[in-house]
Amino acid sequence: MKTKTALAALVLAFAPAFAYAECSSAHEVTMSCADGKVWDAKTASCITPTG
């Protein structure tokens, strides 16, 4: 019984970390880019605008 309780406690303790890891890798968003660059959603990075 103690083993099951300890395992359940570990799962509950690490559940928020797993949820954060899932969300952060799939939906990484940059709010600002360096001067002169703009955010490009296709490449998911800051690029230098052309034209």
N, C-alpha and C. Protein backbone atom coordinates (compact mmCIF):
# COMPACT_ATOMS: atom_id res chain seq x y z
N MET A 1 0.81 -1.20 0.00
CA MET A 1 0.00 0.00 0.00
C MET A 1 0.86 1.26 0.00
N LYS A 2 1.95 1.27 0.73
CA LYS A 2 2.81 2.45 0.77
C LYS A 2 3.42 2.73 -0.60
N THR A 3 3.73 1.68 -1.34
CA THR A 3 4.33 1.86 -2.66
C THR A 3 3.35 2.54 -3.61
N LYS A 4 2.10 2.10 -3.58
CA LYS A 4 1.09 2.72 -4.45
C LYS A 4 0.86 4.18 -4.07
N THR A 5 0.84 4.48 -2.79
CA THR A 5 0.64 5.85 -2.34
C THR A 5 1.82 6.73 -2.75
N ALA A 6 3.02 6.21 -2.59
CA ALA A 6 4.22 6.97 -2.98
C ALA A 6 4.23 7.21 -4.49
N LEU A 7 3.86 6.21 -5.27
CA LEU A 7 3.83 6.36 -6.72
C LEU A 7 2.77 7.40 -7.13
N ALA A 8 1.62 7.34 -6.50
CA ALA A 8 0.57 8.32 -6.80
C ALA A 8 1.02 9.73 -6.45
N ALA A 9 1.72 9.87 -5.33
CA ALA A 9 2.22 11.19 -4.93
C ALA A 9 3.24 11.71 -5.93
N LEU A 10 4.11 10.86 -6.43
CA LEU A 10 5.10 11.28 -7.43
C LEU A 10 4.43 11.70 -8.73
N VAL A 11 3.45 10.94 -9.16
CA VAL A 11 2.75 11.28 -10.40
C VAL A 11 2.07 12.63 -10.26
N LEU A 12 1.41 12.86 -9.14
CA LEU A 12 0.74 14.15 -8.92
C LEU A 12 1.73 15.30 -8.79
N ALA A 13 2.88 15.02 -8.22
CA ALA A 13 3.89 16.06 -8.05
C ALA A 13 4.48 16.51 -9.39
N PHE A 14 4.64 15.57 -10.32
CA PHE A 14 5.27 15.89 -11.60
C PHE A 14 4.26 16.20 -12.71
N ALA A 15 2.98 16.04 -12.48
CA ALA A 15 1.97 16.28 -13.51
C ALA A 15 2.03 17.70 -14.08
N PRO A 16 2.16 18.75 -13.25
CA PRO A 16 2.23 20.10 -13.84
C PRO A 16 3.46 20.29 -14.74
N ALA A 17 4.57 19.68 -14.38
CA ALA A 17 5.78 19.81 -15.19
C ALA A 17 5.59 19.16 -16.56
N PHE A 18 4.93 18.01 -16.58
CA PHE A 18 4.68 17.34 -17.87
C PHE A 18 3.73 18.16 -18.72
N ALA A 19 2.72 18.75 -18.12
CA ALA A 19 1.77 19.57 -18.87
C ALA A 19 2.46 20.81 -19.43
N TYR A 20 3.34 21.44 -18.65
CA TYR A 20 4.06 22.61 -19.12
C TYR A 20 4.98 22.25 -20.28
N ALA A 21 5.66 21.12 -20.18
CA ALA A 21 6.58 20.69 -21.24
C ALA A 21 5.81 20.45 -22.53
N GLU A 22 4.64 19.89 -22.46
CA GLU A 22 3.84 19.64 -23.64
C GLU A 22 3.41 20.94 -24.29
N CYS A 23 2.97 21.89 -23.52
CA CYS A 23 2.49 23.15 -24.08
C CYS A 23 3.62 24.03 -24.59
N SER A 24 4.72 24.07 -23.90
CA SER A 24 5.77 24.99 -24.29
C SER A 24 6.47 24.56 -25.56
N SER A 25 6.59 23.29 -25.82
CA SER A 25 7.28 22.86 -27.03
C SER A 25 6.42 23.04 -28.27
N ALA A 26 5.13 22.90 -28.14
CA ALA A 26 4.25 22.96 -29.30
C ALA A 26 3.84 24.38 -29.65
N HIS A 27 3.84 25.27 -28.68
CA HIS A 27 3.30 26.60 -28.92
C HIS A 27 4.25 27.69 -28.45
N GLU A 28 5.48 27.59 -28.83
CA GLU A 28 6.44 28.60 -28.40
C GLU A 28 6.19 29.89 -29.17
N VAL A 29 6.06 30.98 -28.44
CA VAL A 29 5.76 32.27 -29.06
C VAL A 29 6.75 33.31 -28.55
N THR A 30 7.28 34.08 -29.47
CA THR A 30 8.16 35.17 -29.09
C THR A 30 7.36 36.47 -29.19
N MET A 31 7.38 37.24 -28.14
CA MET A 31 6.60 38.47 -28.11
C MET A 31 7.33 39.62 -28.78
N SER A 32 8.66 39.58 -28.86
CA SER A 32 9.38 40.66 -29.51
C SER A 32 10.64 40.12 -30.16
N CYS A 33 11.07 40.80 -31.18
CA CYS A 33 12.29 40.43 -31.90
C CYS A 33 13.31 41.56 -31.73
N ALA A 34 14.54 41.29 -32.10
CA ALA A 34 15.59 42.30 -32.05
C ALA A 34 15.25 43.44 -33.01
N ASP A 35 15.89 44.57 -32.81
CA ASP A 35 15.62 45.74 -33.66
C ASP A 35 15.77 45.41 -35.14
N GLY A 36 14.77 45.78 -35.91
CA GLY A 36 14.82 45.60 -37.35
C GLY A 36 14.32 44.25 -37.81
N LYS A 37 13.94 43.37 -36.90
CA LYS A 37 13.45 42.05 -37.29
C LYS A 37 11.98 41.93 -36.94
N VAL A 38 11.29 41.02 -37.63
CA VAL A 38 9.87 40.78 -37.39
C VAL A 38 9.64 39.29 -37.19
N TRP A 39 8.53 38.97 -36.50
CA TRP A 39 8.20 37.57 -36.25
C TRP A 39 7.56 36.96 -37.48
N ASP A 40 8.08 35.78 -37.90
CA ASP A 40 7.53 35.05 -39.03
C ASP A 40 6.88 33.78 -38.50
N ALA A 41 5.56 33.69 -38.64
CA ALA A 41 4.83 32.54 -38.10
C ALA A 41 5.15 31.25 -38.85
N LYS A 42 5.48 31.35 -40.14
CA LYS A 42 5.78 30.13 -40.92
C LYS A 42 7.03 29.45 -40.42
N THR A 43 8.08 30.24 -40.16
CA THR A 43 9.34 29.66 -39.70
C THR A 43 9.46 29.67 -38.19
N ALA A 44 8.52 30.33 -37.53
CA ALA A 44 8.51 30.45 -36.06
C ALA A 44 9.83 31.02 -35.56
N SER A 45 10.26 32.12 -36.21
CA SER A 45 11.49 32.77 -35.80
C SER A 45 11.47 34.23 -36.24
N CYS A 46 12.42 35.00 -35.74
CA CYS A 46 12.56 36.39 -36.15
C CYS A 46 13.35 36.45 -37.45
N ILE A 47 12.85 37.23 -38.39
CA ILE A 47 13.53 37.37 -39.68
C ILE A 47 13.69 38.85 -40.02
N THR A 48 14.58 39.12 -40.92
CA THR A 48 14.75 40.48 -41.43
C THR A 48 13.76 40.66 -42.57
N PRO A 49 12.89 41.65 -42.51
CA PRO A 49 11.89 41.83 -43.57
C PRO A 49 12.54 42.24 -44.89
N THR A 50 11.98 41.77 -45.97
CA THR A 50 12.49 42.14 -47.30
C THR A 50 11.50 43.12 -47.94
N GLY A 51 12.05 44.13 -48.54
CA GLY A 51 11.24 45.11 -49.26
C GLY A 51 10.60 46.05 -48.39
